[in-house]
Amino acid sequence: MLALAAAGGAMLVLAYRTGGRVPDYGAGAVPVAVPWLAAALVVVVAVAGLTRVAASPTATLLVAPLVVLTAWSDGALLFDALRVVRLVPLPLDVWGFGLRLLLLVGAISATRPIINARHSRQGRCPSCRRWRPGPLARVPRWPAVVGAVFALPYPMLRIIWLLGGTLGTTGAPVDVDPALQFAMASAGLLLLALTTVLVVDRGPTWLRAVLGLGALAVGTILAATFAPAAVGSLNSLTRVGLTWSPGSDLMGWVFALFYCSWTVSGIGTALGGLRYWIHRRADCTTCWPPPAT
């Protein structure tokens, strides 16, 4: 019922309070159809979770687009949070914040019965009492490696610009406050550090639970938010060329590199985070490693 109520609230906000647009602080490209589809999928998945379909592969397949659409719609939640805690001294879009929270609550509430039904079919391990590992427990490590590699370009270029370099610029140093440049480079290094932890694949159960789910959320939001921008920037490059400058001090290929690297790194981080979270049960010798078939 919570999922249906949240989806209904999100639809009301979209219909009467957004003026035909998605309030998102300009973070990524979020067509207004995306949150509508996310809210509709919340309803479909919630209804499926109340029936015998909940444990079927069909219900599980519905969860994947719901996660992607919700992450795409909620890409600006980080900016909402920064405004709430006053780290960014700009006004909060209250209706936009409410819309994103409703979609997030609705998606989580709708998917829980599906996940519980799948777990019930797997059964519990007699030793650790956790749910037995399923097919997803065999996710390989290489997506995390890809996530780490593609997390490199952004902080590297930011550090070069911070030091006065002009790589990727129209000729002059980037006109950005050094403190802001350092903050953005640090944010890129945090993503690199997170993906490195996923690649190393070490850590206690509690760390795997926290960082694994965190990486899954961060990666999904990154990929869903910047994939449309990546496609748009690549399309511009094919029409205008690498030296094209979209009204800024940077060349077009820099934007394409950033958007594409964030998208690919997001996918790798999400899969690496899922693997890292699932492997929290590796301390049990009864149910781990998972069966090969």
C-alpha atoms as a PDB file:
ATOM      1  CA  MET A   1       0.000   0.000   0.000  1.00  0.00           C
ATOM      2  CA  LEU A   2       2.887   2.363   0.730  1.00  0.00           C
ATOM      3  CA  ALA A   3       4.217   1.871  -2.799  1.00  0.00           C
ATOM      4  CA  LEU A   4       0.827   2.635  -4.350  1.00  0.00           C
ATOM      5  CA  ALA A   5       0.387   5.715  -2.157  1.00  0.00           C
ATOM      6  CA  ALA A   6       3.866   6.991  -3.068  1.00  0.00           C
ATOM      7  CA  ALA A   7       3.260   6.402  -6.791  1.00  0.00           C
ATOM      8  CA  GLY A   8      -0.065   8.209  -6.577  1.00  0.00           C
ATOM      9  CA  GLY A   9       1.552  11.140  -4.786  1.00  0.00           C
ATOM     10  CA  ALA A  10       4.310  11.343  -7.403  1.00  0.00           C
ATOM     11  CA  MET A  11       1.729  11.382 -10.201  1.00  0.00           C
ATOM     12  CA  LEU A  12      -0.183  14.181  -8.485  1.00  0.00           C
ATOM     13  CA  VAL A  13       2.981  16.250  -8.174  1.00  0.00           C
ATOM     14  CA  LEU A  14       3.828  15.646 -11.822  1.00  0.00           C
ATOM     15  CA  ALA A  15       0.314  16.549 -12.935  1.00  0.00           C
ATOM     16  CA  TYR A  16      -0.304  19.671 -10.859  1.00  0.00           C
ATOM     17  CA  ARG A  17       2.986  21.083  -9.510  1.00  0.00           C
ATOM     18  CA  THR A  18       5.770  20.735 -12.064  1.00  0.00           C
ATOM     19  CA  GLY A  19       4.345  22.727 -14.953  1.00  0.00           C
ATOM     20  CA  GLY A  20       5.169  20.063 -17.518  1.00  0.00           C
ATOM     21  CA  ARG A  21       8.843  19.831 -16.596  1.00  0.00           C
ATOM     22  CA  VAL A  22      11.075  17.903 -14.212  1.00  0.00           C
ATOM     23  CA  PRO A  23      12.575  20.138 -11.493  1.00  0.00           C
ATOM     24  CA  ASP A  24      16.170  18.884 -11.307  1.00  0.00           C
ATOM     25  CA  TYR A  25      18.619  21.818 -10.989  1.00  0.00           C
ATOM     26  CA  GLY A  26      19.825  21.022 -14.483  1.00  0.00           C
ATOM     27  CA  ALA A  27      21.543  17.803 -13.328  1.00  0.00           C
ATOM     28  CA  GLY A  28      21.407  15.468 -16.292  1.00  0.00           C
ATOM     29  CA  ALA A  29      18.669  15.129 -18.871  1.00  0.00           C
ATOM     30  CA  VAL A  30      15.397  13.940 -17.322  1.00  0.00           C
ATOM     31  CA  PRO A  31      12.495  14.048 -19.804  1.00  0.00           C
ATOM     32  CA  VAL A  32       9.163  14.433 -18.040  1.00  0.00           C
ATOM     33  CA  ALA A  33       8.090  11.020 -19.392  1.00  0.00           C
ATOM     34  CA  VAL A  34      10.745   9.274 -17.280  1.00  0.00           C
ATOM     35  CA  PRO A  35       9.256   9.953 -13.796  1.00  0.00           C
ATOM     36  CA  TRP A  36       5.795   9.189 -15.192  1.00  0.00           C
ATOM     37  CA  LEU A  37       7.073   5.798 -16.382  1.00  0.00           C
ATOM     38  CA  ALA A  38       8.823   5.228 -13.050  1.00  0.00           C
ATOM     39  CA  ALA A  39       5.622   5.947 -11.120  1.00  0.00           C
ATOM     40  CA  ALA A  40       3.617   3.675 -13.421  1.00  0.00           C
ATOM     41  CA  LEU A  41       6.157   0.873 -12.984  1.00  0.00           C
ATOM     42  CA  VAL A  42       5.951   1.283  -9.203  1.00  0.00           C
ATOM     43  CA  VAL A  43       2.242   0.503  -9.487  1.00  0.00           C
ATOM     44  CA  VAL A  44       2.816  -2.495 -11.784  1.00  0.00           C
ATOM     45  CA  VAL A  45       5.588  -3.969  -9.614  1.00  0.00           C
ATOM     46  CA  ALA A  46       3.618  -3.334  -6.406  1.00  0.00           C
ATOM     47  CA  VAL A  47       0.586  -5.159  -7.805  1.00  0.00           C
ATOM     48  CA  ALA A  48       2.800  -8.026  -9.032  1.00  0.00           C
ATOM     49  CA  GLY A  49       4.292  -8.285  -5.548  1.00  0.00           C
ATOM     50  CA  LEU A  50       0.838  -8.943  -4.112  1.00  0.00           C
ATOM     51  CA  THR A  51       0.174 -11.922  -6.412  1.00  0.00           C
ATOM     52  CA  ARG A  52       1.727 -15.301  -7.189  1.00  0.00           C
ATOM     53  CA  VAL A  53       3.709 -13.620  -9.949  1.00  0.00           C
ATOM     54  CA  ALA A  54       6.045 -12.154  -7.289  1.00  0.00           C
ATOM     55  CA  ALA A  55       8.447 -15.116  -7.357  1.00  0.00           C
ATOM     56  CA  SER A  56       8.458 -15.487 -11.159  1.00  0.00           C
ATOM     57  CA  PRO A  57      11.224 -14.347 -13.526  1.00  0.00           C
ATOM     58  CA  THR A  58       8.756 -11.874 -15.056  1.00  0.00           C
ATOM     59  CA  ALA A  59       8.451  -9.959 -11.791  1.00  0.00           C
ATOM     60  CA  THR A  60      12.223  -9.954 -11.372  1.00  0.00           C
ATOM     61  CA  LEU A  61      12.658  -8.554 -14.877  1.00  0.00           C
ATOM     62  CA  LEU A  62      10.267  -5.703 -14.042  1.00  0.00           C
ATOM     63  CA  VAL A  63      12.519  -4.626 -11.182  1.00  0.00           C
ATOM     64  CA  ALA A  64      15.457  -3.760 -13.483  1.00  0.00           C
ATOM     65  CA  PRO A  65      13.723  -1.010 -15.534  1.00  0.00           C
ATOM     66  CA  LEU A  66      12.099   0.301 -12.337  1.00  0.00           C
ATOM     67  CA  VAL A  67      15.532   0.725 -10.744  1.00  0.00           C
ATOM     68  CA  VAL A  68      16.940   2.442 -13.847  1.00  0.00           C
ATOM     69  CA  LEU A  69      13.986   4.816 -14.301  1.00  0.00           C
ATOM     70  CA  THR A  70      13.902   5.696 -10.600  1.00  0.00           C
ATOM     71  CA  ALA A  71      17.655   6.368 -10.554  1.00  0.00           C
ATOM     72  CA  TRP A  72      17.323   8.518 -13.681  1.00  0.00           C
ATOM     73  CA  SER A  73      14.468  10.491 -12.140  1.00  0.00           C
ATOM     74  CA  ASP A  74      16.252  10.863  -8.780  1.00  0.00           C
ATOM     75  CA  GLY A  75      19.646  11.944 -10.101  1.00  0.00           C
ATOM     76  CA  ALA A  76      19.213  15.376  -8.447  1.00  0.00           C
ATOM     77  CA  LEU A  77      18.586  13.949  -4.965  1.00  0.00           C
ATOM     78  CA  LEU A  78      22.227  14.643  -4.111  1.00  0.00           C
ATOM     79  CA  PHE A  79      21.709  18.327  -4.924  1.00  0.00           C
ATOM     80  CA  ASP A  80      18.516  18.295  -2.831  1.00  0.00           C
ATOM     81  CA  ALA A  81      20.440  16.879   0.131  1.00  0.00           C
ATOM     82  CA  LEU A  82      23.219  19.464  -0.210  1.00  0.00           C
ATOM     83  CA  ARG A  83      20.630  22.228  -0.149  1.00  0.00           C
ATOM     84  CA  VAL A  84      18.806  20.749   2.841  1.00  0.00           C
ATOM     85  CA  VAL A  85      21.976  20.678   4.973  1.00  0.00           C
ATOM     86  CA  ARG A  86      23.007  24.137   3.663  1.00  0.00           C
ATOM     87  CA  LEU A  87      26.248  22.944   2.071  1.00  0.00           C
ATOM     88  CA  VAL A  88      24.990  24.581  -1.125  1.00  0.00           C
ATOM     89  CA  PRO A  89      23.525  28.030  -0.291  1.00  0.00           C
ATOM     90  CA  LEU A  90      20.819  27.896  -2.958  1.00  0.00           C
ATOM     91  CA  PRO A  91      17.031  27.527  -2.588  1.00  0.00           C
ATOM     92  CA  LEU A  92      15.546  24.041  -2.371  1.00  0.00           C
ATOM     93  CA  ASP A  93      12.983  22.993  -4.965  1.00  0.00           C
ATOM     94  CA  VAL A  94      10.479  21.607  -2.458  1.00  0.00           C
ATOM     95  CA  TRP A  95       8.142  20.011  -4.993  1.00  0.00           C
ATOM     96  CA  GLY A  96      11.014  18.480  -6.911  1.00  0.00           C
ATOM     97  CA  PHE A  97      12.509  17.130  -3.692  1.00  0.00           C
ATOM     98  CA  GLY A  98       9.153  15.672  -2.713  1.00  0.00           C
ATOM     99  CA  LEU A  99       8.712  14.080  -6.144  1.00  0.00           C
ATOM    100  CA  ARG A 100      12.098  12.362  -5.967  1.00  0.00           C
ATOM    101  CA  LEU A 101      11.516  11.105  -2.430  1.00  0.00           C
ATOM    102  CA  LEU A 102       8.109   9.710  -3.377  1.00  0.00           C
ATOM    103  CA  LEU A 103       9.565   7.841  -6.351  1.00  0.00           C
ATOM    104  CA  LEU A 104      12.397   6.462  -4.208  1.00  0.00           C
ATOM    105  CA  VAL A 105      10.061   5.317  -1.409  1.00  0.00           C
ATOM    106  CA  GLY A 106       7.660   3.846  -3.947  1.00  0.00           C
ATOM    107  CA  ALA A 107      10.368   1.895  -5.775  1.00  0.00           C
ATOM    108  CA  ILE A 108      11.846   0.468  -2.557  1.00  0.00           C
ATOM    109  CA  SER A 109       8.440  -0.492  -1.199  1.00  0.00           C
ATOM    110  CA  ALA A 110       7.349  -2.081  -4.491  1.00  0.00           C
ATOM    111  CA  THR A 111      10.476  -4.196  -4.942  1.00  0.00           C
ATOM    112  CA  ARG A 112      10.673  -5.594  -1.402  1.00  0.00           C
ATOM    113  CA  PRO A 113       7.911  -8.231  -1.894  1.00  0.00           C
ATOM    114  CA  ILE A 114       9.558  -9.341  -5.172  1.00  0.00           C
ATOM    115  CA  ILE A 115      12.949  -9.740  -3.469  1.00  0.00           C
ATOM    116  CA  ASN A 116      11.415 -11.528  -0.476  1.00  0.00           C
ATOM    117  CA  ALA A 117       9.558 -13.932  -2.769  1.00  0.00           C
ATOM    118  CA  ARG A 118      12.768 -14.766  -4.635  1.00  0.00           C
ATOM    119  CA  HIS A 119      14.586 -15.310  -1.345  1.00  0.00           C
ATOM    120  CA  SER A 120      11.859 -17.628  -0.100  1.00  0.00           C
ATOM    121  CA  ARG A 121      12.371 -19.856  -3.122  1.00  0.00           C
ATOM    122  CA  GLN A 122      16.116 -19.980  -2.510  1.00  0.00           C
ATOM    123  CA  GLY A 123      15.745 -20.945   1.167  1.00  0.00           C
ATOM    124  CA  ARG A 124      18.082 -20.206   4.074  1.00  0.00           C
ATOM    125  CA  CYS A 125      21.475 -21.654   4.830  1.00  0.00           C
ATOM    126  CA  PRO A 126      21.259 -23.989   7.876  1.00  0.00           C
ATOM    127  CA  SER A 127      24.539 -22.594   9.260  1.00  0.00           C
ATOM    128  CA  CYS A 128      24.431 -18.800   8.904  1.00  0.00           C
ATOM    129  CA  ARG A 129      20.633 -18.473   8.422  1.00  0.00           C
ATOM    130  CA  ARG A 130      21.172 -16.083   5.508  1.00  0.00           C
ATOM    131  CA  TRP A 131      19.411 -16.555   2.198  1.00  0.00           C
ATOM    132  CA  ARG A 132      21.283 -18.983  -0.014  1.00  0.00           C
ATOM    133  CA  PRO A 133      23.289 -17.333  -2.821  1.00  0.00           C
ATOM    134  CA  GLY A 134      21.499 -17.089  -6.143  1.00  0.00           C
ATOM    135  CA  PRO A 135      22.796 -16.690  -9.717  1.00  0.00           C
ATOM    136  CA  LEU A 136      23.783 -13.045  -9.083  1.00  0.00           C
ATOM    137  CA  ALA A 137      26.389 -14.256  -6.586  1.00  0.00           C
ATOM    138  CA  ARG A 138      28.499 -15.264  -9.587  1.00  0.00           C
ATOM    139  CA  VAL A 139      28.837 -11.702 -10.955  1.00  0.00           C
ATOM    140  CA  PRO A 140      32.500 -11.415 -12.084  1.00  0.00           C
ATOM    141  CA  ARG A 141      34.995  -8.849 -10.817  1.00  0.00           C
ATOM    142  CA  TRP A 142      35.886  -7.269 -14.172  1.00  0.00           C
ATOM    143  CA  PRO A 143      32.970  -4.756 -14.191  1.00  0.00           C
ATOM    144  CA  ALA A 144      34.480  -3.187 -11.047  1.00  0.00           C
ATOM    145  CA  VAL A 145      37.830  -2.943 -12.862  1.00  0.00           C
ATOM    146  CA  VAL A 146      36.088  -1.185 -15.762  1.00  0.00           C
ATOM    147  CA  GLY A 147      34.417   1.169 -13.275  1.00  0.00           C
ATOM    148  CA  ALA A 148      37.781   2.055 -11.740  1.00  0.00           C
ATOM    149  CA  VAL A 149      39.456   2.664 -15.122  1.00  0.00           C
ATOM    150  CA  PHE A 150      36.683   4.950 -16.341  1.00  0.00           C
ATOM    151  CA  ALA A 151      36.607   6.816 -13.017  1.00  0.00           C
ATOM    152  CA  LEU A 152      40.146   8.106 -13.759  1.00  0.00           C
ATOM    153  CA  PRO A 153      39.655  10.753 -16.515  1.00  0.00           C
ATOM    154  CA  TYR A 154      37.570  13.235 -14.507  1.00  0.00           C
ATOM    155  CA  PRO A 155      39.842  13.669 -11.449  1.00  0.00           C
ATOM    156  CA  MET A 156      42.981  13.530 -13.619  1.00  0.00           C
ATOM    157  CA  LEU A 157      41.825  16.407 -15.829  1.00  0.00           C
ATOM    158  CA  ARG A 158      40.600  18.382 -12.822  1.00  0.00           C
ATOM    159  CA  ILE A 159      44.012  18.054 -11.175  1.00  0.00           C
ATOM    160  CA  ILE A 160      45.722  19.124 -14.413  1.00  0.00           C
ATOM    161  CA  TRP A 161      43.522  22.232 -14.590  1.00  0.00           C
ATOM    162  CA  LEU A 162      44.079  22.932 -10.894  1.00  0.00           C
ATOM    163  CA  LEU A 163      47.840  22.984 -11.596  1.00  0.00           C
ATOM    164  CA  GLY A 164      47.378  25.412 -14.480  1.00  0.00           C
ATOM    165  CA  GLY A 165      47.382  22.954 -17.390  1.00  0.00           C
ATOM    166  CA  THR A 166      45.377  23.602 -20.551  1.00  0.00           C
ATOM    167  CA  LEU A 167      44.717  20.061 -21.796  1.00  0.00           C
ATOM    168  CA  GLY A 168      41.229  19.971 -23.285  1.00  0.00           C
ATOM    169  CA  THR A 169      40.722  23.747 -23.037  1.00  0.00           C
ATOM    170  CA  THR A 170      40.456  26.328 -25.808  1.00  0.00           C
ATOM    171  CA  GLY A 171      43.953  27.579 -24.940  1.00  0.00           C
ATOM    172  CA  ALA A 172      43.682  29.422 -21.632  1.00  0.00           C
ATOM    173  CA  PRO A 173      43.609  27.949 -18.108  1.00  0.00           C
ATOM    174  CA  VAL A 174      40.134  27.032 -16.827  1.00  0.00           C
ATOM    175  CA  ASP A 175      38.563  30.033 -15.111  1.00  0.00           C
ATOM    176  CA  VAL A 176      37.278  28.262 -11.984  1.00  0.00           C
ATOM    177  CA  ASP A 177      37.931  29.055  -8.325  1.00  0.00           C
ATOM    178  CA  PRO A 178      40.793  26.791  -7.119  1.00  0.00           C
ATOM    179  CA  ALA A 179      38.805  25.694  -4.061  1.00  0.00           C
ATOM    180  CA  LEU A 180      35.923  24.575  -6.282  1.00  0.00           C
ATOM    181  CA  GLN A 181      38.352  22.880  -8.657  1.00  0.00           C
ATOM    182  CA  PHE A 182      39.881  20.996  -5.726  1.00  0.00           C
ATOM    183  CA  ALA A 183      36.430  19.988  -4.438  1.00  0.00           C
ATOM    184  CA  MET A 184      35.421  18.596  -7.834  1.00  0.00           C
ATOM    185  CA  ALA A 185      38.722  16.722  -8.174  1.00  0.00           C
ATOM    186  CA  SER A 186      38.177  15.281  -4.680  1.00  0.00           C
ATOM    187  CA  ALA A 187      34.684  14.094  -5.643  1.00  0.00           C
ATOM    188  CA  GLY A 188      36.171  12.270  -8.634  1.00  0.00           C
ATOM    189  CA  LEU A 189      38.876  10.730  -6.444  1.00  0.00           C
ATOM    190  CA  LEU A 190      36.204   9.477  -4.021  1.00  0.00           C
ATOM    191  CA  LEU A 191      34.545   7.567  -6.850  1.00  0.00           C
ATOM    192  CA  LEU A 192      37.932   6.172  -7.835  1.00  0.00           C
ATOM    193  CA  ALA A 193      38.580   5.119  -4.228  1.00  0.00           C
ATOM    194  CA  LEU A 194      35.185   3.402  -4.042  1.00  0.00           C
ATOM    195  CA  THR A 195      35.757   1.432  -7.227  1.00  0.00           C
ATOM    196  CA  THR A 196      39.259   0.485  -6.035  1.00  0.00           C
ATOM    197  CA  VAL A 197      37.748  -1.045  -2.878  1.00  0.00           C
ATOM    198  CA  LEU A 198      35.374  -3.053  -5.080  1.00  0.00           C
ATOM    199  CA  VAL A 199      38.268  -4.298  -7.214  1.00  0.00           C
ATOM    200  CA  VAL A 200      40.396  -5.291  -4.212  1.00  0.00           C
ATOM    201  CA  ASP A 201      37.337  -7.179  -2.858  1.00  0.00           C
ATOM    202  CA  ARG A 202      38.384  -7.238   0.793  1.00  0.00           C
ATOM    203  CA  GLY A 203      36.514  -6.157   3.881  1.00  0.00           C
ATOM    204  CA  PRO A 204      34.345  -7.342   6.762  1.00  0.00           C
ATOM    205  CA  THR A 205      30.661  -8.146   6.445  1.00  0.00           C
ATOM    206  CA  TRP A 206      29.438  -4.754   7.724  1.00  0.00           C
ATOM    207  CA  LEU A 207      31.665  -2.850   5.264  1.00  0.00           C
ATOM    208  CA  ARG A 208      30.475  -4.989   2.372  1.00  0.00           C
ATOM    209  CA  ALA A 209      26.858  -4.297   3.322  1.00  0.00           C
ATOM    210  CA  VAL A 210      27.350  -0.508   3.514  1.00  0.00           C
ATOM    211  CA  LEU A 211      29.741   0.065   0.602  1.00  0.00           C
ATOM    212  CA  GLY A 212      28.140  -2.576  -1.587  1.00  0.00           C
ATOM    213  CA  LEU A 213      24.664  -1.059  -1.460  1.00  0.00           C
ATOM    214  CA  GLY A 214      26.139   2.452  -1.607  1.00  0.00           C
ATOM    215  CA  ALA A 215      28.130   1.629  -4.747  1.00  0.00           C
ATOM    216  CA  LEU A 216      25.067   0.001  -6.315  1.00  0.00           C
ATOM    217  CA  ALA A 217      23.040   3.177  -5.711  1.00  0.00           C
ATOM    218  CA  VAL A 218      25.788   5.594  -6.800  1.00  0.00           C
ATOM    219  CA  GLY A 219      26.603   3.611  -9.931  1.00  0.00           C
ATOM    220  CA  THR A 220      22.973   3.284 -10.981  1.00  0.00           C
ATOM    221  CA  ILE A 221      22.348   7.014 -10.524  1.00  0.00           C
ATOM    222  CA  LEU A 222      25.515   7.929 -12.448  1.00  0.00           C
ATOM    223  CA  ALA A 223      24.718   5.653 -15.378  1.00  0.00           C
ATOM    224  CA  ALA A 224      21.047   6.606 -15.608  1.00  0.00           C
ATOM    225  CA  THR A 225      21.723  10.341 -15.222  1.00  0.00           C
ATOM    226  CA  PHE A 226      24.580  10.770 -17.696  1.00  0.00           C
ATOM    227  CA  ALA A 227      23.775   8.186 -20.390  1.00  0.00           C
ATOM    228  CA  PRO A 228      21.498  10.613 -22.305  1.00  0.00           C
ATOM    229  CA  ALA A 229      24.112  13.378 -22.049  1.00  0.00           C
ATOM    230  CA  ALA A 230      26.777  10.953 -23.314  1.00  0.00           C
ATOM    231  CA  VAL A 231      24.700  10.104 -26.372  1.00  0.00           C
ATOM    232  CA  GLY A 232      24.046  13.794 -27.041  1.00  0.00           C
ATOM    233  CA  SER A 233      27.707  14.785 -26.721  1.00  0.00           C
ATOM    234  CA  LEU A 234      28.868  11.969 -29.014  1.00  0.00           C
ATOM    235  CA  ASN A 235      26.268  13.010 -31.568  1.00  0.00           C
ATOM    236  CA  SER A 236      27.576  16.603 -31.413  1.00  0.00           C
ATOM    237  CA  LEU A 237      31.157  15.421 -31.887  1.00  0.00           C
ATOM    238  CA  THR A 238      30.262  13.472 -35.022  1.00  0.00           C
ATOM    239  CA  ARG A 239      28.584  16.564 -36.502  1.00  0.00           C
ATOM    240  CA  VAL A 240      30.944  19.359 -35.377  1.00  0.00           C
ATOM    241  CA  GLY A 241      34.303  17.732 -34.559  1.00  0.00           C
ATOM    242  CA  LEU A 242      36.645  17.324 -31.598  1.00  0.00           C
ATOM    243  CA  THR A 243      37.641  20.991 -31.388  1.00  0.00           C
ATOM    244  CA  TRP A 244      34.038  22.148 -31.000  1.00  0.00           C
ATOM    245  CA  SER A 245      33.564  24.292 -27.870  1.00  0.00           C
ATOM    246  CA  PRO A 246      29.986  24.338 -26.452  1.00  0.00           C
ATOM    247  CA  GLY A 247      30.093  27.943 -25.234  1.00  0.00           C
ATOM    248  CA  SER A 248      32.745  27.325 -22.560  1.00  0.00           C
ATOM    249  CA  ASP A 249      36.504  27.208 -22.000  1.00  0.00           C
ATOM    250  CA  LEU A 250      36.506  23.460 -22.725  1.00  0.00           C
ATOM    251  CA  MET A 251      36.463  21.566 -25.998  1.00  0.00           C
ATOM    252  CA  GLY A 252      33.583  19.307 -26.883  1.00  0.00           C
ATOM    253  CA  TRP A 253      35.580  16.103 -26.545  1.00  0.00           C
ATOM    254  CA  VAL A 254      36.072  16.852 -22.825  1.00  0.00           C
ATOM    255  CA  PHE A 255      32.322  16.835 -22.208  1.00  0.00           C
ATOM    256  CA  ALA A 256      31.951  13.645 -24.248  1.00  0.00           C
ATOM    257  CA  LEU A 257      34.785  12.050 -22.275  1.00  0.00           C
ATOM    258  CA  PHE A 258      33.261  13.035 -18.930  1.00  0.00           C
ATOM    259  CA  TYR A 259      29.714  11.964 -19.759  1.00  0.00           C
ATOM    260  CA  CYS A 260      30.800   8.677 -21.355  1.00  0.00           C
ATOM    261  CA  SER A 261      33.259   7.839 -18.571  1.00  0.00           C
ATOM    262  CA  TRP A 262      30.651   8.567 -15.888  1.00  0.00           C
ATOM    263  CA  THR A 263      28.133   6.360 -17.687  1.00  0.00           C
ATOM    264  CA  VAL A 264      30.500   3.417 -18.128  1.00  0.00           C
ATOM    265  CA  SER A 265      31.988   3.862 -14.659  1.00  0.00           C
ATOM    266  CA  GLY A 266      28.466   3.985 -13.227  1.00  0.00           C
ATOM    267  CA  ILE A 267      27.551   0.643 -14.806  1.00  0.00           C
ATOM    268  CA  GLY A 268      30.780  -0.943 -13.586  1.00  0.00           C
ATOM    269  CA  THR A 269      30.390   0.542 -10.107  1.00  0.00           C
ATOM    270  CA  ALA A 270      26.798  -0.680  -9.820  1.00  0.00           C
ATOM    271  CA  LEU A 271      27.700  -4.246 -10.820  1.00  0.00           C
ATOM    272  CA  GLY A 272      30.828  -4.172  -8.644  1.00  0.00           C
ATOM    273  CA  GLY A 273      28.793  -2.898  -5.705  1.00  0.00           C
ATOM    274  CA  LEU A 274      26.213  -5.643  -6.189  1.00  0.00           C
ATOM    275  CA  ARG A 275      28.979  -8.262  -6.199  1.00  0.00           C
ATOM    276  CA  TYR A 276      30.673  -6.716  -3.154  1.00  0.00           C
ATOM    277  CA  TRP A 277      27.375  -6.685  -1.242  1.00  0.00           C
ATOM    278  CA  ILE A 278      26.464 -10.261  -2.157  1.00  0.00           C
ATOM    279  CA  HIS A 279      29.902 -11.493  -1.091  1.00  0.00           C
ATOM    280  CA  ARG A 280      29.278 -10.377   2.494  1.00  0.00           C
ATOM    281  CA  ARG A 281      28.138 -13.950   3.106  1.00  0.00           C
ATOM    282  CA  ALA A 282      31.548 -15.352   2.096  1.00  0.00           C
ATOM    283  CA  ASP A 283      32.411 -16.005   5.752  1.00  0.00           C
ATOM    284  CA  CYS A 284      30.053 -19.010   5.727  1.00  0.00           C
ATOM    285  CA  THR A 285      31.653 -22.220   4.440  1.00  0.00           C
ATOM    286  CA  THR A 286      28.278 -23.999   4.137  1.00  0.00           C
ATOM    287  CA  CYS A 287      26.574 -21.790   1.542  1.00  0.00           C
ATOM    288  CA  TRP A 288      29.668 -20.209   0.009  1.00  0.00           C
ATOM    289  CA  PRO A 289      30.948 -20.398  -2.688  1.00  0.00           C
ATOM    290  CA  PRO A 290      27.677 -20.552  -4.609  1.00  0.00           C
ATOM    291  CA  PRO A 291      26.936 -23.618  -6.742  1.00  0.00           C
ATOM    292  CA  ALA A 292      28.154 -23.501 -10.323  1.00  0.00           C
ATOM    293  CA  THR A 293      24.756 -24.512 -11.712  1.00  0.00           C
END
